[in-house]
Amino acid sequence: MTTYVAYARVSTAKQGRSGLGLEAQQEAISAYLKPGDTLLAPTYVEVESGKRSDRPELAKALDHAKLTGATLLVAKLDRLARNVRFLHSVLESGVEVAFCDLPQVQGAMGRFIVNQMAGVAELEAGLISERTKAALKAAKDRGVQLGGYRGGEKVNPSLGLAERQRRAADFAARVRPAIAEAQANGATSLRQIAAYLTAKGVQTRRGGPWDAAKVRQLMLPA
């Protein structure tokens, strides 16, 4: 008999409101429990935005588990996948971890897997950083002016639709070569491309850093 505190995560506020993804995780949590197990209320649900690196619901779940001596029950292994800070917060808490989609893995083995995932996530972040720096150096060696266009165009809402569309298309045309450069240097996901553009100093059309959603929008066919 084991006491659990459950943790689930969805990627967007829309998924959190609609239950998309969350319902399946809650079903997985229920199916994982054996007769005699106890699931403490509530289930902690994180809505992770692209701009937020902290995990307040995770912190609450870990505090609850430590206070009660419970095991942290994660609905899906991939909910832990790439956030290094998140992974280390689990490791440093001393709480044992179990995964609904890997029922044979729990206790010490669960913490071992989280430790390995943290190492892989740190390695991936380091490799992306190294590739980005190498690409920027290569571009500079070729004579590319890295201090040139930075984006950040102020969008005037008083402009007509046709003019706004033209400016958006011009902006996309200027930035897409940098996206292609990111892909050529090993960026395979929208998040990695966003990190590459941000590291290079390219801003979004309204200014500021990139995220996966902005990259996806720019890569849509015209």
C-alpha atoms as a PDB file:
ATOM      1  CA  MET A   1       0.000   0.000   0.000  1.00  0.00           C
ATOM      2  CA  THR A   2       1.424   3.337  -1.096  1.00  0.00           C
ATOM      3  CA  THR A   3       0.324   6.925  -0.593  1.00  0.00           C
ATOM      4  CA  TYR A   4       0.634   9.192  -3.625  1.00  0.00           C
ATOM      5  CA  VAL A   5       0.492  12.867  -4.509  1.00  0.00           C
ATOM      6  CA  ALA A   6      -0.307  13.223  -8.222  1.00  0.00           C
ATOM      7  CA  TYR A   7       1.108  15.743 -10.669  1.00  0.00           C
ATOM      8  CA  ALA A   8      -0.061  16.434 -14.227  1.00  0.00           C
ATOM      9  CA  ARG A   9       0.948  19.059 -16.772  1.00  0.00           C
ATOM     10  CA  VAL A  10      -0.613  20.616 -19.851  1.00  0.00           C
ATOM     11  CA  SER A  11       1.208  22.911 -22.243  1.00  0.00           C
ATOM     12  CA  THR A  12      -1.341  25.695 -22.724  1.00  0.00           C
ATOM     13  CA  ALA A  13      -4.117  27.446 -20.831  1.00  0.00           C
ATOM     14  CA  LYS A  14      -6.526  26.315 -23.562  1.00  0.00           C
ATOM     15  CA  GLN A  15      -5.665  22.677 -22.843  1.00  0.00           C
ATOM     16  CA  GLY A  16      -6.147  23.298 -19.136  1.00  0.00           C
ATOM     17  CA  ARG A  17      -9.617  24.800 -19.647  1.00  0.00           C
ATOM     18  CA  SER A  18     -10.765  22.232 -22.171  1.00  0.00           C
ATOM     19  CA  GLY A  19      -9.349  19.194 -20.405  1.00  0.00           C
ATOM     20  CA  LEU A  20      -7.489  18.247 -23.592  1.00  0.00           C
ATOM     21  CA  GLY A  21      -4.591  16.087 -22.481  1.00  0.00           C
ATOM     22  CA  LEU A  22      -5.469  16.528 -18.821  1.00  0.00           C
ATOM     23  CA  GLU A  23      -8.358  14.066 -18.901  1.00  0.00           C
ATOM     24  CA  ALA A  24      -6.111  11.311 -20.269  1.00  0.00           C
ATOM     25  CA  GLN A  25      -3.533  11.993 -17.557  1.00  0.00           C
ATOM     26  CA  GLN A  26      -6.174  11.822 -14.838  1.00  0.00           C
ATOM     27  CA  GLU A  27      -7.391   8.506 -16.224  1.00  0.00           C
ATOM     28  CA  ALA A  28      -3.814   7.210 -16.210  1.00  0.00           C
ATOM     29  CA  ILE A  29      -3.445   8.213 -12.561  1.00  0.00           C
ATOM     30  CA  SER A  30      -6.637   6.380 -11.614  1.00  0.00           C
ATOM     31  CA  ALA A  31      -5.619   3.266 -13.560  1.00  0.00           C
ATOM     32  CA  TYR A  32      -2.190   3.197 -11.887  1.00  0.00           C
ATOM     33  CA  LEU A  33      -3.527   2.899  -8.346  1.00  0.00           C
ATOM     34  CA  LYS A  34      -3.709  -0.574  -6.806  1.00  0.00           C
ATOM     35  CA  PRO A  35      -6.213  -1.742  -4.193  1.00  0.00           C
ATOM     36  CA  GLY A  36      -5.167  -0.292  -0.870  1.00  0.00           C
ATOM     37  CA  ASP A  37      -3.231   2.637  -2.370  1.00  0.00           C
ATOM     38  CA  THR A  38      -4.159   6.151  -1.296  1.00  0.00           C
ATOM     39  CA  LEU A  39      -4.272   9.188  -3.578  1.00  0.00           C
ATOM     40  CA  LEU A  40      -4.166  12.409  -1.606  1.00  0.00           C
ATOM     41  CA  ALA A  41      -6.164  15.387  -2.854  1.00  0.00           C
ATOM     42  CA  PRO A  42      -5.712  17.533  -4.798  1.00  0.00           C
ATOM     43  CA  THR A  43      -4.044  16.475  -8.040  1.00  0.00           C
ATOM     44  CA  TYR A  44      -1.608  19.275  -8.856  1.00  0.00           C
ATOM     45  CA  VAL A  45      -2.039  20.488 -12.427  1.00  0.00           C
ATOM     46  CA  GLU A  46       0.586  22.689 -14.061  1.00  0.00           C
ATOM     47  CA  VAL A  47      -0.152  24.894 -17.056  1.00  0.00           C
ATOM     48  CA  GLU A  48       3.317  25.573 -18.400  1.00  0.00           C
ATOM     49  CA  SER A  49       3.648  28.634 -20.583  1.00  0.00           C
ATOM     50  CA  GLY A  50       6.605  29.063 -22.893  1.00  0.00           C
ATOM     51  CA  LYS A  51       7.876  32.066 -20.926  1.00  0.00           C
ATOM     52  CA  ARG A  52       7.769  30.532 -17.448  1.00  0.00           C
ATOM     53  CA  SER A  53      10.648  28.531 -16.058  1.00  0.00           C
ATOM     54  CA  ASP A  54       9.265  28.000 -12.558  1.00  0.00           C
ATOM     55  CA  ARG A  55       6.754  25.291 -11.654  1.00  0.00           C
ATOM     56  CA  PRO A  56       4.609  26.507  -8.714  1.00  0.00           C
ATOM     57  CA  GLU A  57       2.245  23.520  -8.822  1.00  0.00           C
ATOM     58  CA  LEU A  58       5.199  21.151  -8.793  1.00  0.00           C
ATOM     59  CA  ALA A  59       6.553  22.943  -5.724  1.00  0.00           C
ATOM     60  CA  LYS A  60       3.198  22.490  -3.996  1.00  0.00           C
ATOM     61  CA  ALA A  61       3.081  18.806  -4.951  1.00  0.00           C
ATOM     62  CA  LEU A  62       6.599  18.197  -3.641  1.00  0.00           C
ATOM     63  CA  ASP A  63       5.866  20.026  -0.377  1.00  0.00           C
ATOM     64  CA  HIS A  64       2.708  17.956   0.031  1.00  0.00           C
ATOM     65  CA  ALA A  65       4.592  14.718  -0.644  1.00  0.00           C
ATOM     66  CA  LYS A  66       7.376  15.591   1.805  1.00  0.00           C
ATOM     67  CA  LEU A  67       4.886  16.593   4.500  1.00  0.00           C
ATOM     68  CA  THR A  68       2.971  13.330   4.199  1.00  0.00           C
ATOM     69  CA  GLY A  69       5.774  10.939   3.215  1.00  0.00           C
ATOM     70  CA  ALA A  70       3.967  10.256  -0.061  1.00  0.00           C
ATOM     71  CA  THR A  71       5.416   9.309  -3.452  1.00  0.00           C
ATOM     72  CA  LEU A  72       5.115  11.835  -6.293  1.00  0.00           C
ATOM     73  CA  LEU A  73       3.008  10.200  -9.021  1.00  0.00           C
ATOM     74  CA  VAL A  74       3.655  11.754 -12.442  1.00  0.00           C
ATOM     75  CA  ALA A  75       0.973  11.079 -15.039  1.00  0.00           C
ATOM     76  CA  LYS A  76       3.389  10.801 -17.963  1.00  0.00           C
ATOM     77  CA  LEU A  77       7.151  10.481 -18.120  1.00  0.00           C
ATOM     78  CA  ASP A  78       7.376  13.113 -20.867  1.00  0.00           C
ATOM     79  CA  ARG A  79       5.854  15.669 -18.485  1.00  0.00           C
ATOM     80  CA  LEU A  80       9.334  15.778 -16.927  1.00  0.00           C
ATOM     81  CA  ALA A  81      11.305  15.730 -20.119  1.00  0.00           C
ATOM     82  CA  ARG A  82      13.263  18.888 -20.960  1.00  0.00           C
ATOM     83  CA  ASN A  83      13.069  21.415 -18.129  1.00  0.00           C
ATOM     84  CA  VAL A  84      16.361  21.103 -16.249  1.00  0.00           C
ATOM     85  CA  ARG A  85      15.252  23.289 -13.368  1.00  0.00           C
ATOM     86  CA  PHE A  86      12.143  21.157 -12.955  1.00  0.00           C
ATOM     87  CA  LEU A  87      14.108  17.913 -12.958  1.00  0.00           C
ATOM     88  CA  HIS A  88      16.608  19.147 -10.402  1.00  0.00           C
ATOM     89  CA  SER A  89      13.849  20.423  -8.116  1.00  0.00           C
ATOM     90  CA  VAL A  90      12.472  16.871  -8.025  1.00  0.00           C
ATOM     91  CA  LEU A  91      15.897  15.389  -7.303  1.00  0.00           C
ATOM     92  CA  GLU A  92      16.741  17.888  -4.576  1.00  0.00           C
ATOM     93  CA  SER A  93      13.400  17.363  -2.826  1.00  0.00           C
ATOM     94  CA  GLY A  94      14.278  13.820  -1.749  1.00  0.00           C
ATOM     95  CA  VAL A  95      10.782  12.670  -2.747  1.00  0.00           C
ATOM     96  CA  GLU A  96      10.403   9.302  -4.457  1.00  0.00           C
ATOM     97  CA  VAL A  97       8.871   9.364  -7.931  1.00  0.00           C
ATOM     98  CA  ALA A  98       6.601   6.980  -9.847  1.00  0.00           C
ATOM     99  CA  PHE A  99       5.348   7.214 -13.444  1.00  0.00           C
ATOM    100  CA  CYS A 100       1.901   6.079 -14.591  1.00  0.00           C
ATOM    101  CA  ASP A 101       3.164   5.058 -18.021  1.00  0.00           C
ATOM    102  CA  LEU A 102       6.063   3.089 -16.486  1.00  0.00           C
ATOM    103  CA  PRO A 103       4.431   1.260 -13.565  1.00  0.00           C
ATOM    104  CA  GLN A 104       7.465  -0.967 -13.038  1.00  0.00           C
ATOM    105  CA  VAL A 105       9.649   2.083 -12.355  1.00  0.00           C
ATOM    106  CA  GLN A 106       9.350   3.695  -8.930  1.00  0.00           C
ATOM    107  CA  GLY A 107      11.267   4.474  -5.777  1.00  0.00           C
ATOM    108  CA  ALA A 108      15.033   4.541  -6.210  1.00  0.00           C
ATOM    109  CA  MET A 109      14.717   3.582  -9.887  1.00  0.00           C
ATOM    110  CA  GLY A 110      12.331   6.485 -10.459  1.00  0.00           C
ATOM    111  CA  ARG A 111      14.785   8.948  -8.961  1.00  0.00           C
ATOM    112  CA  PHE A 112      17.580   7.390 -11.047  1.00  0.00           C
ATOM    113  CA  ILE A 113      15.585   7.973 -14.247  1.00  0.00           C
ATOM    114  CA  VAL A 114      14.903  11.592 -13.284  1.00  0.00           C
ATOM    115  CA  ASN A 115      18.637  12.030 -12.631  1.00  0.00           C
ATOM    116  CA  GLN A 116      19.500  10.651 -16.062  1.00  0.00           C
ATOM    117  CA  MET A 117      16.891  12.867 -17.713  1.00  0.00           C
ATOM    118  CA  ALA A 118      18.358  15.924 -16.005  1.00  0.00           C
ATOM    119  CA  GLY A 119      21.791  15.015 -17.361  1.00  0.00           C
ATOM    120  CA  VAL A 120      20.440  14.561 -20.889  1.00  0.00           C
ATOM    121  CA  ALA A 121      18.531  17.853 -20.720  1.00  0.00           C
ATOM    122  CA  GLU A 122      21.661  19.704 -19.575  1.00  0.00           C
ATOM    123  CA  LEU A 123      23.699  18.055 -22.327  1.00  0.00           C
ATOM    124  CA  GLU A 124      21.144  19.020 -24.971  1.00  0.00           C
ATOM    125  CA  ALA A 125      21.058  22.627 -23.752  1.00  0.00           C
ATOM    126  CA  GLY A 126      24.858  22.762 -23.817  1.00  0.00           C
ATOM    127  CA  LEU A 127      25.072  21.300 -27.318  1.00  0.00           C
ATOM    128  CA  ILE A 128      22.505  23.786 -28.643  1.00  0.00           C
ATOM    129  CA  SER A 129      24.494  26.624 -27.090  1.00  0.00           C
ATOM    130  CA  GLU A 130      27.738  25.344 -28.613  1.00  0.00           C
ATOM    131  CA  ARG A 131      26.156  24.963 -32.069  1.00  0.00           C
ATOM    132  CA  THR A 132      24.690  28.449 -31.847  1.00  0.00           C
ATOM    133  CA  LYS A 133      28.038  29.999 -30.919  1.00  0.00           C
ATOM    134  CA  ALA A 134      29.809  28.071 -33.676  1.00  0.00           C
ATOM    135  CA  ALA A 135      27.217  29.153 -36.242  1.00  0.00           C
ATOM    136  CA  LEU A 136      27.527  32.794 -35.215  1.00  0.00           C
ATOM    137  CA  LYS A 137      31.322  32.615 -35.404  1.00  0.00           C
ATOM    138  CA  ALA A 138      31.146  30.984 -38.846  1.00  0.00           C
ATOM    139  CA  ALA A 139      28.747  33.664 -40.042  1.00  0.00           C
ATOM    140  CA  LYS A 140      31.028  36.380 -38.695  1.00  0.00           C
ATOM    141  CA  ASP A 141      34.025  34.774 -40.404  1.00  0.00           C
ATOM    142  CA  ARG A 142      32.084  34.862 -43.691  1.00  0.00           C
ATOM    143  CA  GLY A 143      31.604  38.578 -43.254  1.00  0.00           C
ATOM    144  CA  VAL A 144      27.974  38.510 -42.142  1.00  0.00           C
ATOM    145  CA  GLN A 145      27.122  41.614 -40.137  1.00  0.00           C
ATOM    146  CA  LEU A 146      25.716  40.116 -36.955  1.00  0.00           C
ATOM    147  CA  GLY A 147      24.862  43.539 -35.621  1.00  0.00           C
ATOM    148  CA  GLY A 148      22.488  44.230 -38.482  1.00  0.00           C
ATOM    149  CA  TYR A 149      18.737  43.688 -38.608  1.00  0.00           C
ATOM    150  CA  ARG A 150      17.200  42.914 -35.204  1.00  0.00           C
ATOM    151  CA  GLY A 151      13.490  43.028 -35.900  1.00  0.00           C
ATOM    152  CA  GLY A 152      11.302  44.780 -33.376  1.00  0.00           C
ATOM    153  CA  GLU A 153       9.106  46.599 -35.871  1.00  0.00           C
ATOM    154  CA  LYS A 154       6.324  48.606 -34.262  1.00  0.00           C
ATOM    155  CA  VAL A 155       3.037  47.445 -35.751  1.00  0.00           C
ATOM    156  CA  ASN A 156       0.693  50.361 -36.460  1.00  0.00           C
ATOM    157  CA  PRO A 157      -2.936  49.247 -35.967  1.00  0.00           C
ATOM    158  CA  SER A 158      -4.162  52.147 -38.112  1.00  0.00           C
ATOM    159  CA  LEU A 159      -2.624  50.636 -41.250  1.00  0.00           C
ATOM    160  CA  GLY A 160      -4.914  48.887 -43.680  1.00  0.00           C
ATOM    161  CA  LEU A 161      -5.107  45.100 -43.736  1.00  0.00           C
ATOM    162  CA  ALA A 162      -3.248  44.808 -47.032  1.00  0.00           C
ATOM    163  CA  GLU A 163      -0.375  46.956 -45.764  1.00  0.00           C
ATOM    164  CA  ARG A 164      -0.133  45.019 -42.499  1.00  0.00           C
ATOM    165  CA  GLN A 165      -0.048  41.757 -44.436  1.00  0.00           C
ATOM    166  CA  ARG A 166       2.657  43.106 -46.737  1.00  0.00           C
ATOM    167  CA  ARG A 167       4.813  44.176 -43.803  1.00  0.00           C
ATOM    168  CA  ALA A 168       4.289  40.830 -42.085  1.00  0.00           C
ATOM    169  CA  ALA A 169       5.358  39.030 -45.265  1.00  0.00           C
ATOM    170  CA  ASP A 170       8.449  41.251 -45.565  1.00  0.00           C
ATOM    171  CA  PHE A 171       9.375  40.519 -41.971  1.00  0.00           C
ATOM    172  CA  ALA A 172       8.954  36.775 -42.496  1.00  0.00           C
ATOM    173  CA  ALA A 173      11.121  36.901 -45.612  1.00  0.00           C
ATOM    174  CA  ARG A 174      13.908  38.625 -43.658  1.00  0.00           C
ATOM    175  CA  VAL A 175      13.838  36.161 -40.765  1.00  0.00           C
ATOM    176  CA  ARG A 176      13.353  32.848 -42.606  1.00  0.00           C
ATOM    177  CA  PRO A 177      17.033  32.660 -43.688  1.00  0.00           C
ATOM    178  CA  ALA A 178      17.975  32.777 -40.000  1.00  0.00           C
ATOM    179  CA  ILE A 179      15.515  29.939 -39.334  1.00  0.00           C
ATOM    180  CA  ALA A 180      17.109  27.924 -42.137  1.00  0.00           C
ATOM    181  CA  GLU A 181      20.513  28.627 -40.605  1.00  0.00           C
ATOM    182  CA  ALA A 182      19.265  27.394 -37.224  1.00  0.00           C
ATOM    183  CA  GLN A 183      18.006  24.174 -38.815  1.00  0.00           C
ATOM    184  CA  ALA A 184      21.280  23.698 -40.680  1.00  0.00           C
ATOM    185  CA  ASN A 185      23.091  23.908 -37.360  1.00  0.00           C
ATOM    186  CA  GLY A 186      21.050  21.206 -35.668  1.00  0.00           C
ATOM    187  CA  ALA A 187      17.925  22.967 -34.384  1.00  0.00           C
ATOM    188  CA  THR A 188      15.182  20.391 -35.002  1.00  0.00           C
ATOM    189  CA  SER A 189      12.324  21.668 -32.830  1.00  0.00           C
ATOM    190  CA  LEU A 190      10.442  24.969 -32.726  1.00  0.00           C
ATOM    191  CA  ARG A 191      11.819  25.585 -29.238  1.00  0.00           C
ATOM    192  CA  GLN A 192      15.406  25.068 -30.412  1.00  0.00           C
ATOM    193  CA  ILE A 193      14.885  27.414 -33.373  1.00  0.00           C
ATOM    194  CA  ALA A 194      13.430  30.022 -31.004  1.00  0.00           C
ATOM    195  CA  ALA A 195      16.491  29.696 -28.746  1.00  0.00           C
ATOM    196  CA  TYR A 196      18.786  30.100 -31.761  1.00  0.00           C
ATOM    197  CA  LEU A 197      17.019  33.272 -32.961  1.00  0.00           C
ATOM    198  CA  THR A 198      17.048  34.739 -29.464  1.00  0.00           C
ATOM    199  CA  ALA A 199      20.742  33.933 -29.012  1.00  0.00           C
ATOM    200  CA  LYS A 200      21.491  35.564 -32.355  1.00  0.00           C
ATOM    201  CA  GLY A 201      19.738  38.738 -31.226  1.00  0.00           C
ATOM    202  CA  VAL A 202      16.893  38.598 -33.741  1.00  0.00           C
ATOM    203  CA  GLN A 203      13.696  39.982 -32.251  1.00  0.00           C
ATOM    204  CA  THR A 204      10.111  39.198 -33.077  1.00  0.00           C
ATOM    205  CA  ARG A 205       8.148  41.662 -35.155  1.00  0.00           C
ATOM    206  CA  ARG A 206       6.907  43.392 -32.016  1.00  0.00           C
ATOM    207  CA  GLY A 207      10.253  43.087 -30.284  1.00  0.00           C
ATOM    208  CA  GLY A 208      11.396  40.681 -27.613  1.00  0.00           C
ATOM    209  CA  PRO A 209      12.475  37.037 -27.524  1.00  0.00           C
ATOM    210  CA  TRP A 210      11.127  34.155 -29.555  1.00  0.00           C
ATOM    211  CA  ASP A 211       9.087  31.170 -28.440  1.00  0.00           C
ATOM    212  CA  ALA A 212       7.818  28.067 -30.209  1.00  0.00           C
ATOM    213  CA  ALA A 213       4.450  29.618 -31.107  1.00  0.00           C
ATOM    214  CA  LYS A 214       6.042  32.646 -32.813  1.00  0.00           C
ATOM    215  CA  VAL A 215       8.388  30.425 -34.821  1.00  0.00           C
ATOM    216  CA  ARG A 216       5.500  28.198 -35.892  1.00  0.00           C
ATOM    217  CA  GLN A 217       3.498  31.213 -37.082  1.00  0.00           C
ATOM    218  CA  LEU A 218       6.425  32.520 -39.106  1.00  0.00           C
ATOM    219  CA  MET A 219       7.003  29.135 -40.740  1.00  0.00           C
ATOM    220  CA  LEU A 220       3.411  28.775 -41.966  1.00  0.00           C
ATOM    221  CA  PRO A 221       3.061  28.968 -45.752  1.00  0.00           C
ATOM    222  CA  ALA A 222       2.336  32.454 -47.012  1.00  0.00           C
END
